[in-house]
N, C-alpha and C. Protein backbone atom coordinates (compact mmCIF):
# COMPACT_ATOMS: atom_id res chain seq x y z
N MET A 1 122.34 119.23 106.34
CA MET A 1 121.83 120.52 106.85
C MET A 1 121.93 121.57 105.58
N GLU A 2 120.90 122.30 105.18
CA GLU A 2 120.97 123.34 104.32
C GLU A 2 121.81 124.46 104.71
N GLN A 3 122.74 124.89 103.87
CA GLN A 3 123.69 125.93 104.22
C GLN A 3 123.00 127.33 104.09
N LYS A 4 123.18 128.11 105.12
CA LYS A 4 122.60 129.40 105.24
C LYS A 4 123.06 130.38 104.12
N LYS A 5 122.12 131.05 103.40
CA LYS A 5 122.35 131.85 102.32
C LYS A 5 123.07 133.13 102.84
N GLU A 6 124.05 133.49 102.12
CA GLU A 6 124.74 134.82 102.48
C GLU A 6 123.90 136.00 102.12
N PRO A 7 124.07 137.09 102.87
CA PRO A 7 123.29 138.35 102.53
C PRO A 7 123.59 138.73 101.07
N ASP A 8 122.68 139.46 100.44
CA ASP A 8 122.85 139.96 99.09
C ASP A 8 124.21 140.56 98.68
N CYS A 9 124.60 141.49 99.56
CA CYS A 9 125.88 142.17 99.14
C CYS A 9 127.10 141.30 99.14
N PHE A 10 127.11 140.21 99.95
CA PHE A 10 128.13 139.29 100.01
C PHE A 10 128.13 138.29 98.81
N GLN A 11 127.04 138.28 98.02
CA GLN A 11 127.04 137.51 96.81
C GLN A 11 128.04 137.84 95.71
N LEU A 12 128.57 139.21 95.89
CA LEU A 12 129.42 139.70 95.02
C LEU A 12 130.92 139.33 95.13
N ILE A 13 131.19 138.61 96.35
CA ILE A 13 132.62 138.24 96.65
C ILE A 13 132.89 136.82 96.42
N SER A 14 134.04 136.62 96.13
CA SER A 14 134.42 135.12 95.82
C SER A 14 134.46 134.20 97.04
N LYS A 15 134.42 132.89 96.81
CA LYS A 15 134.46 131.99 97.91
C LYS A 15 135.59 132.26 98.85
N LEU A 16 136.75 132.51 98.22
CA LEU A 16 138.01 132.68 99.06
C LEU A 16 137.89 133.93 99.92
N GLU A 17 137.35 135.04 99.23
CA GLU A 17 137.23 136.31 99.94
C GLU A 17 136.13 136.06 101.12
N LEU A 18 135.09 135.31 100.87
CA LEU A 18 134.09 135.08 101.86
C LEU A 18 134.67 134.32 102.97
N GLU A 19 135.49 133.37 102.72
CA GLU A 19 136.11 132.59 103.75
C GLU A 19 137.09 133.36 104.71
N SER A 20 137.79 134.30 104.02
CA SER A 20 138.59 135.23 104.80
C SER A 20 137.80 136.17 105.73
N LEU A 21 136.70 136.67 105.07
CA LEU A 21 135.89 137.55 105.89
C LEU A 21 135.19 136.86 107.04
N SER A 22 134.76 135.63 106.71
CA SER A 22 133.98 134.83 107.72
C SER A 22 134.75 134.56 109.02
N GLU A 23 136.17 134.42 108.86
CA GLU A 23 136.98 134.19 109.88
C GLU A 23 137.02 135.44 110.89
N ASN A 24 136.54 136.54 110.33
CA ASN A 24 136.72 137.78 111.12
C ASN A 24 135.26 138.49 111.35
N ARG A 25 134.30 137.64 111.50
CA ARG A 25 132.92 138.25 111.84
C ARG A 25 132.16 137.34 112.81
N THR A 26 131.36 138.02 113.48
CA THR A 26 130.55 137.20 114.52
C THR A 26 129.17 137.71 114.45
N GLN A 27 128.17 136.81 114.48
CA GLN A 27 126.70 137.04 114.39
C GLN A 27 126.23 137.28 115.91
N LEU A 28 125.43 138.35 115.89
CA LEU A 28 124.91 138.77 117.34
C LEU A 28 123.39 139.01 117.16
N THR A 29 122.69 138.69 118.14
CA THR A 29 121.22 139.07 118.22
C THR A 29 120.95 140.07 119.21
N TYR A 30 120.23 141.13 118.83
CA TYR A 30 119.77 142.16 119.76
C TYR A 30 118.17 142.14 119.85
N LEU A 31 117.76 142.23 120.98
CA LEU A 31 116.35 142.28 121.18
C LEU A 31 115.73 143.69 121.19
N LYS A 32 114.45 143.82 120.84
CA LYS A 32 113.86 145.05 120.83
C LYS A 32 114.20 145.98 121.96
N GLY A 33 114.67 147.14 121.77
CA GLY A 33 114.95 148.08 122.87
C GLY A 33 116.40 148.03 123.22
N GLU A 34 117.17 147.12 122.77
CA GLU A 34 118.60 147.03 123.21
C GLU A 34 119.42 147.96 122.39
N THR A 35 120.29 148.61 123.27
CA THR A 35 121.36 149.52 122.64
C THR A 35 122.38 148.68 121.83
N ILE A 36 122.69 149.14 120.67
CA ILE A 36 123.65 148.32 119.92
C ILE A 36 125.04 149.00 120.18
N PHE A 37 125.03 150.29 120.01
CA PHE A 37 126.40 150.99 120.44
C PHE A 37 125.99 152.47 120.78
N LYS A 38 126.85 153.10 121.57
CA LYS A 38 126.61 154.48 122.13
C LYS A 38 127.58 155.48 121.45
N GLN A 39 127.09 156.54 121.15
CA GLN A 39 127.87 157.64 120.75
C GLN A 39 129.04 157.96 121.59
N GLY A 40 130.26 158.10 120.95
CA GLY A 40 131.45 158.38 121.60
C GLY A 40 132.17 157.14 122.10
N ALA A 41 131.59 155.93 122.12
CA ALA A 41 132.30 154.76 122.56
C ALA A 41 133.22 154.26 121.41
N PHE A 42 134.15 153.43 121.87
CA PHE A 42 135.22 152.95 120.87
C PHE A 42 134.57 152.07 119.83
N ALA A 43 134.93 152.34 118.50
CA ALA A 43 134.30 151.63 117.42
C ALA A 43 135.27 150.53 116.86
N PRO A 44 135.31 149.36 117.35
CA PRO A 44 136.34 148.42 116.86
C PRO A 44 135.84 147.65 115.60
N HIS A 45 134.49 147.59 115.35
CA HIS A 45 134.00 146.77 114.24
C HIS A 45 132.91 147.50 113.35
N VAL A 46 132.65 147.05 112.24
CA VAL A 46 131.63 147.48 111.41
C VAL A 46 130.43 146.48 111.63
N LEU A 47 129.19 146.97 111.62
CA LEU A 47 128.00 146.08 111.78
C LEU A 47 127.23 145.98 110.49
N PHE A 48 126.84 144.77 110.13
CA PHE A 48 126.04 144.55 109.05
C PHE A 48 124.63 144.03 109.45
N ILE A 49 123.59 144.65 109.03
CA ILE A 49 122.25 144.14 109.51
C ILE A 49 121.67 143.08 108.60
N GLN A 50 121.61 141.86 109.17
CA GLN A 50 121.06 140.71 108.46
C GLN A 50 119.52 140.77 108.43
N SER A 51 118.97 141.15 109.54
CA SER A 51 117.54 141.28 109.62
C SER A 51 117.21 142.27 110.83
N GLY A 52 116.09 142.92 110.67
CA GLY A 52 115.72 143.83 111.78
C GLY A 52 115.54 145.28 111.39
N LEU A 53 115.30 146.13 112.37
CA LEU A 53 115.20 147.62 112.10
C LEU A 53 116.04 148.27 113.28
N ILE A 54 116.86 149.20 112.90
CA ILE A 54 117.74 149.83 113.84
C ILE A 54 117.55 151.40 113.75
N LYS A 55 117.31 152.03 114.87
CA LYS A 55 117.11 153.49 115.05
C LYS A 55 118.55 154.08 115.23
N VAL A 56 118.88 155.11 114.40
CA VAL A 56 120.26 155.67 114.57
C VAL A 56 119.90 157.12 114.98
N TYR A 57 120.62 157.59 116.02
CA TYR A 57 120.32 158.87 116.48
C TYR A 57 121.56 159.54 117.18
N LEU A 58 121.34 160.88 117.36
CA LEU A 58 122.40 161.67 118.01
C LEU A 58 121.90 162.03 119.33
N GLN A 59 122.83 162.04 120.32
CA GLN A 59 122.48 162.59 121.67
C GLN A 59 123.05 163.98 121.62
N THR A 60 122.08 164.92 121.59
CA THR A 60 122.51 166.38 121.29
C THR A 60 122.54 167.11 122.70
N GLY A 61 122.07 166.48 123.71
CA GLY A 61 122.11 167.10 125.09
C GLY A 61 121.78 166.05 126.11
N LYS A 62 121.82 166.49 127.35
CA LYS A 62 121.59 165.44 128.49
C LYS A 62 120.49 164.59 128.30
N SER A 63 119.38 165.20 127.87
CA SER A 63 118.09 164.49 127.60
C SER A 63 117.49 164.80 126.26
N LYS A 64 118.27 165.21 125.37
CA LYS A 64 117.80 165.68 124.00
C LYS A 64 118.33 164.75 122.94
N VAL A 65 117.49 164.25 122.08
CA VAL A 65 117.90 163.29 121.01
C VAL A 65 117.44 163.75 119.69
N GLN A 66 118.24 163.60 118.59
CA GLN A 66 117.80 163.75 117.32
C GLN A 66 117.90 162.54 116.52
N ASN A 67 116.75 161.91 116.15
CA ASN A 67 116.72 160.73 115.35
C ASN A 67 117.21 161.04 113.88
N LEU A 68 118.10 160.19 113.45
CA LEU A 68 118.76 160.56 112.07
C LEU A 68 118.09 159.69 110.95
N TRP A 69 118.07 158.30 111.21
CA TRP A 69 117.48 157.49 110.14
C TRP A 69 117.27 156.14 110.72
N ILE A 70 116.52 155.27 109.97
CA ILE A 70 116.25 153.93 110.40
C ILE A 70 117.00 153.02 109.49
N ALA A 71 117.88 152.19 109.98
CA ALA A 71 118.65 151.23 109.07
C ALA A 71 117.92 149.90 109.21
N ARG A 72 117.99 149.09 108.09
CA ARG A 72 117.25 147.86 107.88
C ARG A 72 118.19 146.80 107.35
N SER A 73 117.58 145.66 107.06
CA SER A 73 118.30 144.55 106.50
C SER A 73 119.10 145.03 105.30
N GLY A 74 120.38 144.64 105.21
CA GLY A 74 121.27 145.01 104.15
C GLY A 74 122.04 146.32 104.36
N ASP A 75 121.79 146.97 105.36
CA ASP A 75 122.60 148.13 105.71
C ASP A 75 123.72 147.88 106.56
N PHE A 76 124.75 148.77 106.49
CA PHE A 76 125.99 148.70 107.39
C PHE A 76 125.87 149.87 108.37
N LEU A 77 126.36 149.55 109.74
CA LEU A 77 126.53 150.57 110.67
C LEU A 77 127.89 150.80 111.04
N ALA A 78 128.22 151.99 111.40
CA ALA A 78 129.63 152.31 111.89
C ALA A 78 130.58 152.09 110.73
N PHE A 79 130.15 152.29 109.46
CA PHE A 79 130.99 152.09 108.17
C PHE A 79 132.18 152.92 108.28
N SER A 80 132.09 154.17 108.76
CA SER A 80 133.22 155.18 108.84
C SER A 80 134.37 154.54 109.58
N SER A 81 134.26 153.64 110.45
CA SER A 81 135.36 153.07 111.19
C SER A 81 136.37 152.41 110.29
N VAL A 82 135.91 151.93 109.04
CA VAL A 82 136.82 151.42 108.06
C VAL A 82 137.83 152.44 107.62
N PHE A 83 137.43 153.74 107.61
CA PHE A 83 138.35 154.78 107.11
C PHE A 83 138.99 155.55 108.23
N GLY A 84 138.98 154.89 109.44
CA GLY A 84 139.86 155.53 110.53
C GLY A 84 139.04 156.16 111.65
N GLU A 85 137.76 156.26 111.55
CA GLU A 85 136.99 156.79 112.62
C GLU A 85 137.13 155.89 113.87
N LYS A 86 137.60 156.47 115.04
CA LYS A 86 137.89 155.59 116.20
C LYS A 86 136.77 155.38 117.09
N VAL A 87 135.79 156.27 116.97
CA VAL A 87 134.66 156.18 117.98
C VAL A 87 133.35 156.41 117.15
N TYR A 88 132.30 155.82 117.71
CA TYR A 88 130.92 155.96 117.16
C TYR A 88 130.49 157.43 117.21
N GLY A 89 130.12 157.95 116.00
CA GLY A 89 129.66 159.27 115.89
C GLY A 89 128.13 159.57 116.30
N CYS A 90 127.40 158.37 116.52
CA CYS A 90 125.99 158.49 116.84
C CYS A 90 125.73 157.12 117.69
N SER A 91 124.44 156.96 118.03
CA SER A 91 124.10 155.81 118.86
C SER A 91 123.03 154.96 117.98
N ALA A 92 122.81 153.71 118.37
CA ALA A 92 121.97 152.96 117.64
C ALA A 92 121.12 151.91 118.55
N MET A 93 119.89 151.72 118.28
CA MET A 93 119.04 150.89 119.13
C MET A 93 118.12 150.01 118.26
N ALA A 94 117.92 148.86 118.59
CA ALA A 94 117.02 147.95 117.92
C ALA A 94 115.60 148.26 118.14
N LEU A 95 114.88 148.55 117.05
CA LEU A 95 113.38 148.82 117.13
C LEU A 95 112.64 147.51 117.21
N LYS A 96 113.22 146.39 116.68
CA LYS A 96 112.68 145.05 117.00
C LYS A 96 113.77 144.13 117.02
N ASP A 97 113.50 142.92 117.30
CA ASP A 97 114.64 141.87 117.44
C ASP A 97 115.33 141.87 116.09
N SER A 98 116.76 141.96 116.09
CA SER A 98 117.47 142.15 115.00
C SER A 98 118.76 141.23 115.11
N GLU A 99 119.14 140.75 113.88
CA GLU A 99 120.44 139.87 113.72
C GLU A 99 121.37 140.82 113.00
N LEU A 100 122.68 140.88 113.59
CA LEU A 100 123.71 141.78 113.02
C LEU A 100 124.93 140.82 112.91
N LEU A 101 125.81 141.21 111.84
CA LEU A 101 127.17 140.62 111.78
C LEU A 101 128.20 141.71 112.26
N MET A 102 128.97 141.28 113.12
CA MET A 102 129.97 142.21 113.59
C MET A 102 131.28 141.80 112.75
N ILE A 103 131.78 142.79 111.89
CA ILE A 103 132.79 142.36 110.95
C ILE A 103 134.14 143.24 111.40
N ASN A 104 135.28 142.46 111.32
CA ASN A 104 136.58 143.22 111.57
C ASN A 104 136.75 144.23 110.50
N LYS A 105 137.05 145.50 110.86
CA LYS A 105 137.00 146.52 109.84
C LYS A 105 138.31 146.50 109.07
N GLU A 106 139.38 145.94 109.49
CA GLU A 106 140.62 145.80 108.63
C GLU A 106 140.35 144.79 107.55
N SER A 107 139.73 143.67 107.87
CA SER A 107 139.37 142.68 106.87
C SER A 107 138.40 143.26 105.80
N LEU A 108 137.38 144.04 106.27
CA LEU A 108 136.41 144.67 105.24
C LEU A 108 137.17 145.73 104.41
N ALA A 109 138.06 146.38 105.04
CA ALA A 109 138.82 147.42 104.24
C ALA A 109 139.66 146.77 103.09
N ARG A 110 140.38 145.69 103.52
CA ARG A 110 141.10 144.84 102.46
C ARG A 110 140.14 144.33 101.36
N LEU A 111 138.98 143.82 101.62
CA LEU A 111 137.89 143.46 100.63
C LEU A 111 137.50 144.58 99.79
N LEU A 112 137.30 145.70 100.34
CA LEU A 112 136.77 146.90 99.51
C LEU A 112 137.97 147.29 98.44
N LYS A 113 139.21 147.10 98.86
CA LYS A 113 140.24 147.49 97.98
C LYS A 113 140.36 146.55 96.79
N THR A 114 140.08 145.32 97.01
CA THR A 114 140.33 144.19 96.04
C THR A 114 139.15 143.87 95.28
N ASN A 115 137.95 144.33 95.70
CA ASN A 115 136.56 143.95 94.94
C ASN A 115 135.93 145.23 94.65
N PRO A 116 136.18 145.87 93.54
CA PRO A 116 135.49 147.25 93.26
C PRO A 116 133.87 147.18 93.20
N GLU A 117 133.46 146.04 92.58
CA GLU A 117 131.93 145.96 92.51
C GLU A 117 131.31 145.91 93.86
N PHE A 118 131.95 145.12 94.84
CA PHE A 118 131.42 144.99 96.22
C PHE A 118 131.46 146.35 96.83
N GLY A 119 132.56 147.11 96.62
CA GLY A 119 132.77 148.36 97.16
C GLY A 119 131.76 149.43 96.60
N PHE A 120 131.50 149.30 95.27
CA PHE A 120 130.58 150.22 94.68
C PHE A 120 129.22 150.17 95.25
N ARG A 121 128.77 148.87 95.40
CA ARG A 121 127.48 148.68 96.01
C ARG A 121 127.27 149.27 97.42
N ILE A 122 128.31 149.09 98.20
CA ILE A 122 128.24 149.65 99.58
C ILE A 122 128.33 151.18 99.58
N THR A 123 129.08 151.74 98.63
CA THR A 123 129.18 153.22 98.52
C THR A 123 127.87 153.77 98.09
N SER A 124 127.12 153.04 97.26
CA SER A 124 125.82 153.53 96.83
C SER A 124 124.86 153.51 98.00
N LYS A 125 124.92 152.56 98.84
CA LYS A 125 124.05 152.57 100.06
C LYS A 125 124.32 153.70 100.89
N ASN A 126 125.63 154.07 101.08
CA ASN A 126 126.07 155.08 101.96
C ASN A 126 125.73 156.46 101.33
N PHE A 127 125.66 156.59 100.04
CA PHE A 127 125.25 157.86 99.42
C PHE A 127 123.74 158.04 99.77
N ASN A 128 122.92 157.05 99.67
CA ASN A 128 121.56 157.30 100.13
C ASN A 128 121.33 157.76 101.46
N SER A 129 122.11 157.22 102.35
CA SER A 129 122.01 157.75 103.77
C SER A 129 122.49 159.21 103.85
N GLU A 130 123.60 159.58 103.10
CA GLU A 130 124.06 160.94 103.07
C GLU A 130 123.05 161.89 102.47
N HIS A 131 122.31 161.41 101.44
CA HIS A 131 121.29 162.31 100.79
C HIS A 131 120.10 162.50 101.82
N HIS A 132 119.73 161.49 102.64
CA HIS A 132 118.71 161.68 103.57
C HIS A 132 119.15 162.62 104.66
N LEU A 133 120.44 162.68 105.09
CA LEU A 133 120.80 163.55 106.14
C LEU A 133 120.95 164.97 105.65
N LEU A 134 121.23 165.28 104.31
CA LEU A 134 121.22 166.61 103.78
C LEU A 134 119.75 167.10 103.80
N ASP A 135 118.79 166.33 103.43
CA ASP A 135 117.31 166.53 103.52
C ASP A 135 116.89 166.98 104.98
N LEU A 136 117.45 166.16 105.89
CA LEU A 136 117.14 166.43 107.27
C LEU A 136 117.69 167.77 107.78
N VAL A 137 118.91 168.03 107.42
CA VAL A 137 119.52 169.39 107.85
C VAL A 137 118.72 170.58 107.27
N ALA A 138 118.32 170.44 106.00
CA ALA A 138 117.55 171.43 105.23
C ALA A 138 116.20 171.65 106.02
N SER A 139 115.56 170.51 106.31
CA SER A 139 114.26 170.57 106.99
C SER A 139 114.39 171.34 108.43
N LEU A 140 115.38 170.95 109.15
CA LEU A 140 115.50 171.56 110.51
C LEU A 140 115.97 173.01 110.43
N SER A 141 116.48 173.40 109.31
CA SER A 141 116.99 174.79 109.22
C SER A 141 116.01 175.91 108.89
N TYR A 142 115.01 175.49 108.02
CA TYR A 142 114.04 176.60 107.67
C TYR A 142 112.52 176.22 107.71
N LYS A 143 112.17 174.99 108.07
CA LYS A 143 110.81 174.64 108.10
C LYS A 143 110.11 175.00 109.44
N GLN A 144 108.75 175.21 109.22
CA GLN A 144 108.00 175.44 110.42
C GLN A 144 107.74 174.03 111.09
N MET A 145 107.08 173.91 112.24
CA MET A 145 106.87 172.62 112.79
C MET A 145 105.97 171.62 112.05
N ARG A 146 104.97 172.17 111.38
CA ARG A 146 104.13 171.30 110.60
C ARG A 146 104.87 170.64 109.40
N GLY A 147 105.78 171.54 108.84
CA GLY A 147 106.60 171.10 107.66
C GLY A 147 107.65 170.15 108.16
N LYS A 148 108.14 170.30 109.40
CA LYS A 148 109.16 169.30 109.90
C LYS A 148 108.53 168.00 110.06
N LEU A 149 107.40 167.89 110.67
CA LEU A 149 106.65 166.68 110.95
C LEU A 149 106.27 166.02 109.62
N ALA A 150 105.77 166.83 108.67
CA ALA A 150 105.34 166.18 107.31
C ALA A 150 106.55 165.58 106.63
N THR A 151 107.70 166.26 106.74
CA THR A 151 108.87 165.75 106.10
C THR A 151 109.33 164.46 106.75
N SER A 152 109.16 164.33 108.17
CA SER A 152 109.51 163.11 108.76
C SER A 152 108.59 161.89 108.46
N LEU A 153 107.33 162.28 108.36
CA LEU A 153 106.35 161.28 107.97
C LEU A 153 106.54 160.82 106.53
N ILE A 154 106.86 161.65 105.68
CA ILE A 154 107.11 161.20 104.28
C ILE A 154 108.33 160.28 104.26
N TYR A 155 109.39 160.57 104.92
CA TYR A 155 110.51 159.63 105.04
C TYR A 155 110.05 158.31 105.56
N LEU A 156 109.40 158.31 106.67
CA LEU A 156 109.10 156.99 107.34
C LEU A 156 107.99 156.17 106.49
N ASP A 157 107.22 156.87 105.64
CA ASP A 157 106.22 156.14 104.85
C ASP A 157 106.74 155.88 103.40
N SER A 158 108.12 156.02 103.31
CA SER A 158 108.72 155.80 101.93
C SER A 158 108.74 154.33 101.57
N GLU A 159 109.06 154.08 100.36
CA GLU A 159 109.10 152.70 99.83
C GLU A 159 110.17 151.89 100.57
N THR A 160 111.11 152.56 101.14
CA THR A 160 112.16 151.88 101.88
C THR A 160 111.62 150.99 102.89
N PHE A 161 110.48 151.36 103.54
CA PHE A 161 109.94 150.62 104.68
C PHE A 161 108.69 150.02 104.30
N ALA A 162 108.46 149.82 102.98
CA ALA A 162 107.12 149.32 102.52
C ALA A 162 106.75 147.96 103.07
N SER A 163 107.69 147.10 103.42
CA SER A 163 107.47 145.73 103.90
C SER A 163 107.32 145.75 105.44
N GLU A 164 107.40 147.00 106.11
CA GLU A 164 107.33 147.11 107.57
C GLU A 164 106.04 148.06 107.94
N ASP A 165 105.40 147.73 109.00
CA ASP A 165 104.45 148.70 109.66
C ASP A 165 105.40 149.52 110.47
N ILE A 166 106.10 150.49 109.90
CA ILE A 166 107.12 151.18 110.47
C ILE A 166 106.63 152.03 111.77
N PHE A 167 105.47 152.52 111.59
CA PHE A 167 104.97 153.48 112.74
C PHE A 167 104.61 152.68 113.92
N THR A 168 104.29 151.32 113.83
CA THR A 168 104.05 150.59 115.04
C THR A 168 105.22 150.40 115.84
N TYR A 169 106.43 150.64 115.37
CA TYR A 169 107.66 150.46 116.12
C TYR A 169 108.12 151.73 116.76
N LEU A 170 107.29 152.77 116.44
CA LEU A 170 107.77 154.11 116.85
C LEU A 170 106.76 154.80 117.83
N SER A 171 107.31 155.43 118.94
CA SER A 171 106.41 156.14 119.80
C SER A 171 106.24 157.59 119.26
N ARG A 172 105.36 158.27 119.92
CA ARG A 172 105.22 159.70 119.51
C ARG A 172 106.50 160.53 119.88
N GLN A 173 107.27 160.11 120.91
CA GLN A 173 108.47 160.72 121.16
C GLN A 173 109.49 160.45 120.08
N ASP A 174 109.48 159.33 119.53
CA ASP A 174 110.30 159.08 118.32
C ASP A 174 110.02 159.87 117.09
N LEU A 175 108.72 160.13 116.89
CA LEU A 175 108.41 161.03 115.84
C LEU A 175 108.80 162.44 116.10
N ALA A 176 108.70 162.87 117.48
CA ALA A 176 109.21 164.13 117.84
C ALA A 176 110.67 164.32 117.67
N ASP A 177 111.42 163.19 117.83
CA ASP A 177 112.86 163.26 117.73
C ASP A 177 113.31 163.23 116.33
N PHE A 178 112.52 162.69 115.50
CA PHE A 178 112.80 162.73 113.95
C PHE A 178 112.50 164.14 113.52
N ALA A 179 111.45 164.87 114.00
CA ALA A 179 111.01 166.15 113.39
C ALA A 179 111.74 167.31 114.18
N SER A 180 112.33 166.99 115.35
CA SER A 180 112.96 167.94 116.19
C SER A 180 111.92 168.96 116.73
N ILE A 181 110.78 168.55 117.20
CA ILE A 181 109.77 169.21 117.83
C ILE A 181 109.34 168.61 119.02
N SER A 182 108.41 169.18 119.85
CA SER A 182 107.98 168.53 121.00
C SER A 182 106.85 167.46 120.78
N VAL A 183 106.80 166.58 121.76
CA VAL A 183 105.79 165.54 121.65
C VAL A 183 104.43 166.14 121.53
N GLU A 184 104.11 167.25 122.47
CA GLU A 184 102.87 167.84 122.34
C GLU A 184 102.53 168.26 120.98
N SER A 185 103.51 168.88 120.26
CA SER A 185 103.28 169.36 118.92
C SER A 185 103.07 168.30 117.91
N VAL A 186 103.66 167.15 118.05
CA VAL A 186 103.42 165.98 117.19
C VAL A 186 101.99 165.54 117.30
N ILE A 187 101.56 165.38 118.61
CA ILE A 187 100.15 164.95 118.79
C ILE A 187 99.21 165.94 118.24
N LYS A 188 99.45 167.23 118.43
CA LYS A 188 98.52 168.25 117.88
C LYS A 188 98.45 168.25 116.42
N PHE A 189 99.66 168.21 115.71
CA PHE A 189 99.63 168.20 114.26
C PHE A 189 99.08 166.98 113.72
N LEU A 190 99.32 165.76 114.34
CA LEU A 190 98.83 164.58 113.80
C LEU A 190 97.26 164.57 113.78
N LYS A 191 96.66 165.11 114.86
CA LYS A 191 95.22 165.35 114.96
C LYS A 191 94.70 166.27 113.78
N GLU A 192 95.48 167.33 113.53
CA GLU A 192 95.14 168.30 112.52
C GLU A 192 95.22 167.69 111.13
N PHE A 193 96.25 166.86 110.90
CA PHE A 193 96.39 166.13 109.61
C PHE A 193 95.31 165.14 109.39
N GLU A 194 94.83 164.43 110.61
CA GLU A 194 93.76 163.51 110.39
C GLU A 194 92.54 164.23 110.17
N LYS A 195 92.22 165.37 110.73
CA LYS A 195 90.94 166.24 110.44
C LYS A 195 90.99 166.60 109.02
N GLU A 196 92.14 166.91 108.36
CA GLU A 196 92.24 167.37 107.05
C GLU A 196 92.26 166.16 106.06
N GLY A 197 92.11 165.00 106.63
CA GLY A 197 91.99 163.80 105.66
C GLY A 197 93.34 163.39 105.13
N ILE A 198 94.40 163.84 105.62
CA ILE A 198 95.75 163.49 105.13
C ILE A 198 96.27 162.17 105.60
N LEU A 199 95.78 161.80 106.84
CA LEU A 199 96.16 160.54 107.40
C LEU A 199 95.16 159.93 108.27
N LEU A 200 95.30 158.73 108.74
CA LEU A 200 94.43 158.07 109.69
C LEU A 200 95.18 157.59 110.70
N LEU A 201 94.76 157.81 111.98
CA LEU A 201 95.44 157.37 113.24
C LEU A 201 94.77 156.07 113.65
N GLU A 202 95.56 154.99 113.87
CA GLU A 202 94.95 153.81 114.30
C GLU A 202 95.84 153.24 115.45
N GLY A 203 95.73 153.84 116.56
CA GLY A 203 96.60 153.55 117.74
C GLY A 203 97.92 154.15 117.46
N LYS A 204 98.97 153.32 117.62
CA LYS A 204 100.33 153.76 117.32
C LYS A 204 100.46 154.01 115.77
N ASN A 205 99.73 153.14 115.08
CA ASN A 205 100.05 153.14 113.62
C ASN A 205 99.43 154.38 112.86
N ILE A 206 100.06 154.80 111.83
CA ILE A 206 99.67 155.91 111.07
C ILE A 206 99.61 155.52 109.55
N VAL A 207 98.40 155.75 109.05
CA VAL A 207 98.14 155.43 107.54
C VAL A 207 98.12 156.72 106.84
N ILE A 208 99.04 156.91 105.89
CA ILE A 208 99.03 158.13 105.10
C ILE A 208 98.11 157.93 103.90
N LYS A 209 96.95 158.83 103.92
CA LYS A 209 96.00 158.64 102.99
C LYS A 209 96.10 159.64 101.73
N GLU A 210 96.73 160.79 101.95
CA GLU A 210 96.92 161.81 101.02
C GLU A 210 98.41 162.25 100.95
N PRO A 211 99.35 161.31 100.44
CA PRO A 211 100.81 161.71 100.38
C PRO A 211 101.05 163.04 99.80
N GLU A 212 100.27 163.34 98.57
CA GLU A 212 100.51 164.63 97.86
C GLU A 212 100.40 165.83 98.79
N LYS A 213 99.29 165.88 99.62
CA LYS A 213 99.08 166.97 100.52
C LYS A 213 100.19 167.02 101.58
N LEU A 214 100.56 165.87 102.07
CA LEU A 214 101.70 165.89 102.98
C LEU A 214 102.99 166.46 102.39
N LEU A 215 103.14 166.13 101.14
CA LEU A 215 104.49 166.59 100.42
C LEU A 215 104.34 168.10 100.25
N GLU A 216 103.13 168.71 100.02
CA GLU A 216 102.95 170.02 99.90
C GLU A 216 103.25 170.82 101.17
N ILE A 217 102.82 170.25 102.37
CA ILE A 217 103.01 170.78 103.56
C ILE A 217 104.61 170.82 103.84
N SER A 218 105.21 169.77 103.41
CA SER A 218 106.66 169.60 103.65
C SER A 218 107.28 170.74 102.84
N LYS A 219 106.88 170.98 101.62
CA LYS A 219 107.58 171.94 100.84
C LYS A 219 107.39 173.31 101.24
N THR A 220 106.22 173.60 101.62
CA THR A 220 105.86 175.02 102.02
C THR A 220 106.01 175.27 103.49
N GLY A 221 106.29 174.15 104.25
CA GLY A 221 106.30 174.23 105.72
C GLY A 221 107.32 175.20 106.23
C-alpha cells in the first residue's frame, strides 16, 4: 500500500521528529457546517488543516458574529495554545468537508524549539493572518458600508482562494459578517456593484469583473 504523503510543512522535519509527532496526533474529519471548536472552550490541541475550508469567527454578542478569516489546507488553528493560551479565542466551522490533524501542543512546542526552519515557516503563516486582521480592524474603524463590503470581497477574491469557488460556500449573511454590515446592505450594494459592471452575480457565486474599481471603493470607502 502506498504511504500517505505528509503535508508540506511536515516535509521540513526529520523522520525521528515525525515519528515523535505522529504519536501525539489524531486525524479527524468534519462535515460541511460542523463546528470545530467554540470560543471560550478549553483548547487542549493545535489543529492542522490537511484539506478543506474553515471559517474562523468571533461571537461578539448573543446573535452577532464577526467573521475574521478563512483558513485552508496547510494552515494551523488554535496555534496560540502552544504559547500557553488555555481557551479558544474564537470559533471555527467547516465550510466544506475537511480533514484536520489534532496535534498535542506540548509535542509541537518541542518541535518548534528544535527545528528553526519548521518554526520559521509556521511563523510566516501566522504573520499573514495577523496582517489580514490589522486590515480588518482598519476597515471596520473608518470605512463606509460600501468600502467595508468592497474590502471583504477583495479578500475573498484574492489569490489565496484561487483554487476554490469561495463565494459558493458563503451565504449573504457570511458576507455581512465579514463586512460587519447588515444582510440587507450586502444585497443592496452587490446589486449596485453589478449595475456598475464591477461584478457579476450568478446565484450564490460572485464573479469580480473589475477588481481595480473594487479596490478604489475599498480605499475611498
